[in-house]
Amino acid sequence: MPNPAPKPATASAPPAQKVWATTSIRETLRMRYFPEVTLVNQAGEKLRLYDDLVKDKIVVMNFFYATCQGICVPLTSNLVKVQALLKPRVGRDIFMCSFTLKPELDTPDVLRDYAKRFKVGPGWSFLTGDPADLELVRRRLGFVDPDPKLDAEKSNHTGMIRYGNEPLQLWSACPGMSRPTSVVTSILAVDYAHAGNPARKG
C-alpha cells in the first residue's frame, strides 16, 4: 500500500505570555496591595482606595479606632506633629490616611469628631466603610500578625505607620511613636525629587 500523504505543517500558536510579563511594576503593586474598594471619609465623601487616596501621591497610612484608649491616642497626637512639620505639603502632594479597625462603630460623624478633637489639618483622611473592605485593606497593607489570636486583637495593629511614594513604587514602614522629626525624615526619604535624586521609572 502507498504511504499516506504527509499532513501539511501548521504554524503553532505563540506561547501565552504570563500576566506579570506584560504588566508594569506599578500596576503589579496596585493589584497586590490596593484592592478596588470604596471608603468614606470624615466628611462623608466616598473615595476609592487607589484612584483617590493613593495614586500619584506620597501617602502615610495607619490603622486606629476612635474608642481606643491605648496607643491610638498618643500615636494620633504624634502624627499631628508630623503633619505640622510637613506643612504646606500635606494636602498638596503628601496625604495622610487613617483607617478604622472598627467601621461598625466609627461612622463619618464619629471620625469627624475624632479629627476635631486632635485639631487635624487638611490633607488627612479618617476612613470607614464596609467592615469586609476595611479588613481586606488591613491584610493587603500588611497590618497583620501571623498568630491568629494576636491578629484578632485590634490594638495590635495600631502602632506602625506605612508610607510610600506611589509613582516611584517606594514603600516602607516605621513605628508610629518615633520622634516626629524622625518620621518626617523617613517619609521624605521616599521623595526622590525633593531630595534631588533622579526619578525612578517603573
Protein backbone atom coordinates (compact mmCIF):
# COMPACT_ATOMS: atom_id res chain seq x y z
CA MET A 1 0.00 0.00 0.00
CA PRO A 2 1.21 3.52 -0.72
CA ASN A 3 2.20 5.58 2.31
CA PRO A 4 -0.39 8.23 3.26
CA ALA A 5 0.44 11.73 2.12
CA PRO A 6 2.08 13.79 4.84
CA LYS A 7 -0.16 16.34 6.51
CA PRO A 8 0.67 19.96 5.78
CA ALA A 9 2.59 21.66 8.57
CA THR A 10 0.58 24.07 10.67
CA ALA A 11 2.01 27.05 12.46
CA SER A 12 1.99 26.58 16.20
CA ALA A 13 0.35 29.27 18.29
CA PRO A 14 2.79 31.53 20.14
CA PRO A 15 3.08 30.71 23.84
CA ALA A 16 0.75 32.72 26.03
CA GLN A 17 2.53 35.47 27.91
CA LYS A 18 2.40 35.48 31.66
CA VAL A 19 0.37 38.34 33.11
CA TRP A 20 3.40 39.60 35.03
CA ALA A 21 5.41 39.73 31.81
CA THR A 22 3.09 42.34 30.30
CA THR A 23 2.25 44.28 33.48
CA SER A 24 4.29 47.16 34.84
CA ILE A 25 5.75 47.04 38.34
CA ARG A 26 3.44 49.86 39.33
CA GLU A 27 0.34 48.00 38.17
CA THR A 28 1.53 44.77 39.79
CA LEU A 29 1.86 46.54 43.14
CA ARG A 30 -1.55 48.13 42.73
CA MET A 31 -3.22 44.78 42.12
CA ARG A 32 -1.40 43.13 45.02
CA TYR A 33 -1.73 45.75 47.74
CA PHE A 34 -4.60 48.12 46.90
CA PRO A 35 -7.95 46.37 46.44
CA GLU A 36 -10.68 48.11 44.49
CA VAL A 37 -12.78 49.25 47.44
CA THR A 38 -14.61 52.49 48.13
CA LEU A 39 -14.30 54.03 51.59
CA VAL A 40 -15.92 57.03 53.29
CA ASN A 41 -14.01 59.85 54.98
CA GLN A 42 -14.93 62.05 57.95
CA ALA A 43 -16.74 64.46 55.63
CA GLY A 44 -18.96 61.69 54.26
CA GLU A 45 -17.19 61.66 50.89
CA LYS A 46 -16.85 58.35 49.05
CA LEU A 47 -13.24 57.74 48.00
CA ARG A 48 -11.67 54.90 46.03
CA LEU A 49 -8.67 53.45 47.81
CA TYR A 50 -6.24 53.52 44.92
CA ASP A 51 -7.59 56.07 42.45
CA ASP A 52 -8.50 58.76 45.00
CA LEU A 53 -6.28 58.13 48.02
CA VAL A 54 -3.04 56.60 46.77
CA LYS A 55 -2.41 57.10 43.05
CA ASP A 56 0.22 59.74 42.16
CA LYS A 57 0.77 60.64 45.81
CA ILE A 58 3.14 60.25 48.70
CA VAL A 59 0.89 58.71 51.32
CA VAL A 60 1.19 57.97 55.05
CA MET A 61 -1.15 55.27 56.38
CA ASN A 62 -2.06 53.83 59.75
CA PHE A 63 -4.88 51.95 61.48
CA PHE A 64 -6.74 53.11 64.58
CA TYR A 65 -10.20 53.24 66.10
CA ALA A 66 -11.93 56.14 67.80
CA THR A 67 -12.64 54.43 71.14
CA CYS A 68 -9.09 53.11 71.52
CA GLN A 69 -7.69 54.07 74.91
CA GLY A 70 -4.21 52.68 74.27
CA ILE A 71 -1.60 53.68 71.72
CA CYS A 72 -4.09 55.25 69.28
CA VAL A 73 -4.29 58.48 71.30
CA PRO A 74 -0.55 59.22 71.59
CA LEU A 75 0.07 57.97 68.05
CA THR A 76 -2.55 60.30 66.59
CA SER A 77 -1.06 63.16 68.61
CA ASN A 78 2.36 62.27 67.25
CA LEU A 79 1.07 62.24 63.67
CA VAL A 80 -0.47 65.68 64.23
CA LYS A 81 3.07 66.90 64.95
CA VAL A 82 4.29 65.12 61.82
CA GLN A 83 1.58 66.86 59.80
CA ALA A 84 2.63 70.23 61.20
CA LEU A 85 6.27 69.61 60.24
CA LEU A 86 5.27 68.66 56.69
CA LYS A 87 3.21 71.79 56.05
CA PRO A 88 2.36 73.03 53.47
CA ARG A 89 2.91 69.76 51.56
CA VAL A 90 0.20 67.77 53.35
CA GLY A 91 -2.86 68.07 51.16
CA ARG A 92 -0.78 69.03 48.13
CA ASP A 93 1.46 66.06 47.30
CA ILE A 94 1.66 64.28 50.66
CA PHE A 95 -1.54 62.79 52.09
CA MET A 96 -2.35 61.01 55.33
CA CYS A 97 -4.87 58.17 55.69
CA SER A 98 -6.07 56.64 58.95
CA PHE A 99 -8.23 53.54 58.51
CA THR A 100 -10.57 52.48 61.28
CA LEU A 101 -10.36 48.98 62.72
CA LYS A 102 -13.97 49.27 63.94
CA PRO A 103 -16.01 50.50 60.97
CA GLU A 104 -19.21 49.22 62.54
CA LEU A 105 -18.79 51.89 65.25
CA ASP A 106 -16.72 54.59 63.57
CA THR A 107 -19.22 56.40 61.37
CA PRO A 108 -18.21 59.52 59.42
CA ASP A 109 -19.67 61.65 62.23
CA VAL A 110 -17.58 59.82 64.83
CA LEU A 111 -14.47 60.24 62.68
CA ARG A 112 -15.20 63.93 62.16
CA ASP A 113 -15.42 64.44 65.92
CA TYR A 114 -12.20 62.48 66.37
CA ALA A 115 -10.38 64.67 63.84
CA LYS A 116 -11.69 67.83 65.53
CA ARG A 117 -10.58 66.53 68.91
CA PHE A 118 -6.99 66.34 67.70
CA LYS A 119 -7.22 69.53 65.60
CA VAL A 120 -6.24 67.68 62.45
CA GLY A 121 -5.41 69.85 59.44
CA PRO A 122 -6.31 69.44 55.76
CA GLY A 123 -4.93 66.53 53.75
CA TRP A 124 -5.63 63.86 56.37
CA SER A 125 -8.49 61.42 55.76
CA PHE A 126 -10.05 59.30 58.50
CA LEU A 127 -11.69 56.41 56.72
CA THR A 128 -14.51 53.99 57.39
CA GLY A 129 -16.65 51.75 55.19
CA ASP A 130 -17.82 48.18 54.85
CA PRO A 131 -16.15 46.00 57.52
CA ALA A 132 -15.13 43.41 54.93
CA ASP A 133 -13.47 46.11 52.82
CA LEU A 134 -11.51 47.52 55.75
CA GLU A 135 -10.40 44.03 56.75
CA LEU A 136 -9.21 43.39 53.20
CA VAL A 137 -7.27 46.67 53.17
CA ARG A 138 -5.67 45.83 56.52
CA ARG A 139 -4.47 42.47 55.29
CA ARG A 140 -3.31 43.70 51.90
CA LEU A 141 -1.29 46.50 53.50
CA GLY A 142 0.38 44.07 55.89
CA PHE A 143 -1.06 45.23 59.21
CA VAL A 144 -1.35 41.62 60.37
CA ASP A 145 0.09 39.22 62.92
CA PRO A 146 0.84 35.61 61.93
CA ASP A 147 -0.65 34.43 65.23
CA PRO A 148 -4.46 34.36 64.76
CA LYS A 149 -5.09 35.13 68.44
CA LEU A 150 -2.84 38.19 68.37
CA ASP A 151 -4.19 39.23 64.99
CA ALA A 152 -7.73 39.26 66.38
CA GLU A 153 -6.74 41.89 68.96
CA LYS A 154 -7.45 45.26 67.32
CA SER A 155 -4.90 47.21 69.34
CA ASN A 156 -2.06 45.08 67.96
CA HIS A 157 -2.38 46.83 64.60
CA THR A 158 -2.21 50.45 65.67
CA GLY A 159 1.47 51.04 66.40
CA MET A 160 3.01 51.17 62.93
CA ILE A 161 2.69 53.53 60.02
CA ARG A 162 3.27 52.64 56.40
CA TYR A 163 4.34 55.29 53.94
CA GLY A 164 5.32 55.38 50.32
CA ASN A 165 5.74 57.19 47.05
CA GLU A 166 3.20 55.51 44.77
CA PRO A 167 4.50 56.77 41.40
CA LEU A 168 8.04 55.59 42.23
CA GLN A 169 6.91 52.35 43.95
CA LEU A 170 8.94 53.17 47.06
CA TRP A 171 7.36 51.84 50.27
CA SER A 172 8.48 51.41 53.84
CA ALA A 173 7.21 51.50 57.43
CA CYS A 174 8.27 52.78 60.82
CA PRO A 175 7.00 52.86 64.41
CA GLY A 176 4.31 55.49 64.75
CA MET A 177 5.70 56.67 68.08
CA SER A 178 9.12 57.56 66.70
CA ARG A 179 10.12 61.19 67.15
CA PRO A 180 8.13 63.37 64.73
CA THR A 181 11.33 64.63 63.12
CA SER A 182 12.45 61.03 62.53
CA VAL A 183 9.10 60.12 60.97
CA VAL A 184 9.31 63.14 58.68
CA THR A 185 12.85 62.20 57.65
CA SER A 186 11.65 58.68 56.83
CA ILE A 187 8.72 59.95 54.76
CA LEU A 188 10.85 62.41 52.80
CA ALA A 189 13.38 59.64 52.06
CA VAL A 190 10.94 58.20 49.52
CA ASP A 191 10.56 61.57 47.83
CA TYR A 192 13.40 61.35 45.30
CA ALA A 193 12.57 64.61 43.55
CA HIS A 194 12.53 66.54 46.84
CA ALA A 195 15.87 65.01 47.81
CA GLY A 196 17.42 65.87 44.44
CA ASN A 197 17.69 62.27 43.27
CA PRO A 198 16.88 61.13 39.72
CA ALA A 199 13.33 59.83 39.26
CA ARG A 200 12.91 56.07 39.17
CA LYS A 201 10.67 54.67 36.47
CA GLY A 202 8.52 51.56 36.85
